Protein backbone atom coordinates (compact mmCIF):
# COMPACT_ATOMS: atom_id res chain seq x y z
CA MET A 1 -8.40 -14.81 0.85
CA ASP A 2 -10.69 -11.82 0.03
CA ILE A 3 -8.81 -10.10 -1.99
CA THR A 4 -11.88 -7.33 -1.85
CA ASN A 5 -10.99 -6.77 1.88
CA VAL A 6 -7.58 -7.28 1.66
CA ARG A 7 -7.45 -4.28 -0.70
CA ALA A 8 -9.36 -1.60 1.42
CA GLN A 9 -7.73 -3.17 4.79
CA LEU A 10 -4.70 -1.87 3.36
CA ALA A 11 -5.94 1.18 2.07
CA LEU A 12 -7.71 1.63 5.71
CA ALA A 13 -4.09 1.39 6.92
CA ALA A 14 -2.43 3.81 4.94
CA SER A 15 -5.10 6.23 6.38
CA ALA A 16 -3.17 5.94 9.44
CA VAL A 17 -0.32 8.40 8.34
CA THR A 18 0.21 11.65 9.61
CA LEU A 19 1.35 14.15 7.06
CA PRO A 20 2.16 18.51 7.42
CA GLY A 21 -0.51 20.37 5.84
CA ALA A 22 -2.37 17.05 3.74
CA SER A 23 -4.11 14.17 3.95
CA LEU A 24 -3.40 11.27 2.28
CA THR A 25 -6.17 9.59 -0.02
CA CYS A 26 -6.35 6.48 0.15
CA THR A 27 -8.35 3.15 -1.47
CA GLY A 28 -7.99 -0.01 -2.76
CA TYR A 29 -8.52 0.27 -6.05
CA MET A 30 -6.94 2.46 -8.91
CA PRO A 31 -9.26 5.26 -8.89
CA ASP A 32 -10.05 7.29 -12.30
CA GLY A 33 -9.02 10.72 -10.67
CA VAL A 34 -6.78 11.57 -8.25
CA THR A 35 -6.66 13.75 -5.28
CA THR A 36 -2.96 14.18 -4.47
CA PRO A 37 -1.09 12.89 -2.05
CA CYS A 38 -2.49 9.42 -2.80
CA PHE A 39 -2.53 5.49 -1.83
CA PHE A 40 -4.01 2.60 -3.96
CA ILE A 41 -4.16 -0.36 -5.08
CA ALA A 42 -2.55 -0.57 -8.43
CA ASP A 43 -1.81 -4.15 -9.34
CA TYR A 44 -0.96 -7.58 -7.66
CA THR A 45 0.25 -11.05 -8.70
CA ILE A 46 -0.76 -14.26 -6.24
CA ASP A 47 1.34 -17.32 -5.72
CA PHE A 48 -1.33 -20.21 -5.51
CA ASP A 49 -0.67 -23.68 -3.86
CA LYS A 50 2.31 -22.31 -1.26
CA VAL A 51 1.14 -25.47 0.95
CA MET A 52 -0.95 -28.49 0.22
CA ASN A 53 -4.69 -28.06 -0.38
CA ARG A 54 -4.93 -24.36 -0.89
CA ALA A 55 -3.56 -24.15 2.53
CA LEU A 56 -1.31 -20.59 1.68
CA ASP A 57 -0.99 -18.38 -1.32
CA HIS A 58 1.17 -15.18 -1.27
CA ILE A 59 -0.27 -12.30 -2.60
CA ASP A 60 2.05 -9.98 -3.76
CA PHE A 61 0.70 -5.91 -4.52
CA THR A 62 1.99 -3.21 -5.62
CA ALA A 63 0.75 0.10 -4.49
CA ARG A 64 0.82 3.48 -5.91
CA VAL A 65 1.78 7.11 -3.90
CA LEU A 66 1.22 9.82 -5.74
CA VAL A 67 1.69 13.74 -5.21
CA SER A 68 1.39 16.44 -6.57
CA ARG A 69 4.36 18.43 -9.26
CA ALA A 70 3.06 21.69 -8.00
CA ASP A 71 6.11 22.43 -5.76
CA ASP A 72 8.88 19.71 -7.75
CA LEU A 73 10.58 20.07 -4.14
CA ALA A 74 8.08 19.60 -1.79
CA GLY A 75 6.45 16.74 -3.77
CA GLN A 76 10.07 14.89 -3.42
CA GLU A 77 9.92 15.72 0.50
CA LEU A 78 6.32 14.72 0.92
CA LEU A 79 7.75 11.50 -0.53
CA ASP A 80 10.46 10.76 1.09
CA ASP A 81 8.69 11.12 4.87
CA MET A 82 6.23 8.54 3.32
CA LEU A 83 8.94 6.19 2.03
CA SER A 84 11.10 6.67 4.24
CA GLY A 85 11.09 3.16 7.23
CA SER A 86 10.03 5.78 10.38
CA GLY A 87 8.12 8.29 11.51
CA VAL A 88 4.73 9.58 11.86
CA ALA A 89 4.57 9.88 7.62
CA SER A 90 6.12 6.40 6.64
CA LEU A 91 3.52 4.30 5.00
CA LYS A 92 5.50 1.49 6.07
CA VAL A 93 4.98 2.34 9.91
CA ALA A 94 1.68 2.41 8.71
CA LEU A 95 0.60 -0.58 7.44
CA GLU A 96 2.65 -3.44 9.55
CA ALA A 97 0.32 -1.43 12.28
CA ALA A 98 -2.69 -3.12 10.79
CA ARG A 99 -0.49 -6.62 10.93
CA GLY A 100 -1.73 -7.08 14.69
CA ALA A 101 -0.58 -8.69 17.40
CA PRO A 102 1.84 -11.59 17.26
CA GLY A 103 0.41 -14.89 16.89
CA THR A 104 -3.12 -13.28 15.99
CA PRO A 105 -4.19 -12.77 12.28
CA ALA A 106 -3.43 -9.49 10.16
CA LEU A 107 -5.73 -6.95 8.44
CA SER A 108 -8.39 -7.30 10.61
CA GLY A 109 -8.78 -11.09 10.20
CA PHE A 110 -8.62 -10.89 6.50
CA ALA A 111 -4.81 -12.71 6.09
CA HIS A 112 -2.15 -14.23 8.23
CA ASP A 113 0.27 -11.79 8.00
CA PHE A 114 1.77 -9.69 5.54
CA ARG A 115 5.10 -7.14 5.21
CA VAL A 116 6.18 -3.86 3.37
CA THR A 117 9.22 -5.90 1.39
CA ARG A 118 10.21 -2.73 -0.55
CA MET A 119 10.04 0.80 -2.90
CA GLN A 120 10.86 0.83 -6.71
CA GLY A 121 10.48 3.55 -9.35
CA LEU A 122 10.49 6.89 -7.97
CA ARG A 123 9.41 8.73 -10.68
CA LEU A 124 6.62 10.27 -12.94
CA TYR A 125 3.73 8.50 -13.54
CA GLU A 126 1.09 9.22 -15.96
CA HIS A 127 -2.87 9.01 -14.30
CA ASN A 128 -5.64 9.99 -16.62
CA GLY A 129 -3.30 11.91 -19.07
CA VAL A 130 -1.46 14.35 -15.98
CA GLN A 131 1.86 13.73 -14.63
CA TYR A 132 2.83 12.76 -10.91
CA LEU A 133 5.85 12.59 -8.77
CA GLY A 134 5.00 8.83 -7.40
CA ALA A 135 6.92 5.64 -6.14
CA GLU A 136 5.44 1.99 -6.12
CA ILE A 137 5.13 0.14 -3.00
CA SER A 138 5.62 -4.02 -2.59
CA ILE A 139 3.54 -5.72 0.04
CA LEU A 140 3.60 -8.95 0.55
CA VAL A 141 0.21 -10.85 1.76
CA ILE A 142 0.40 -14.93 3.11
CA GLY A 143 -2.77 -16.08 3.78
CA ASP A 144 -5.53 -19.06 3.60
CA GLY A 145 -5.85 -19.67 -0.51
CA SER A 146 -9.23 -21.84 0.21
CA ALA A 147 -11.09 -18.68 1.88
């Protein structure tokens, strides 16, 4: 799997969310500075050789979504919308739209399939010396280990 392109495709998919009065900044990499609200790939782990001959790898991406603390209630409500399992602001819905039609490759052909598996860590995050309200989203990507 081409990790660089998988990261880019996940960020592109996340950018499809519709937020009230704001637009979501999305990147496949951890940014030096954050423009809120912000979605980025923060970390990942790889399970190699799930099938013989490098035929399949699993990558567990941890994405982080951060919002401003300027208005704590508004930030929490915005996170609630993005972390919901449905709706136009749902990151799960936006991301999984990039799965493609049944039987076709996901993420513009850079993975076999993927799914958003969980949300965790609803708390304050410090990023480059600034505190933000945020959460982490786990995304399991399955693809060819030899590519």
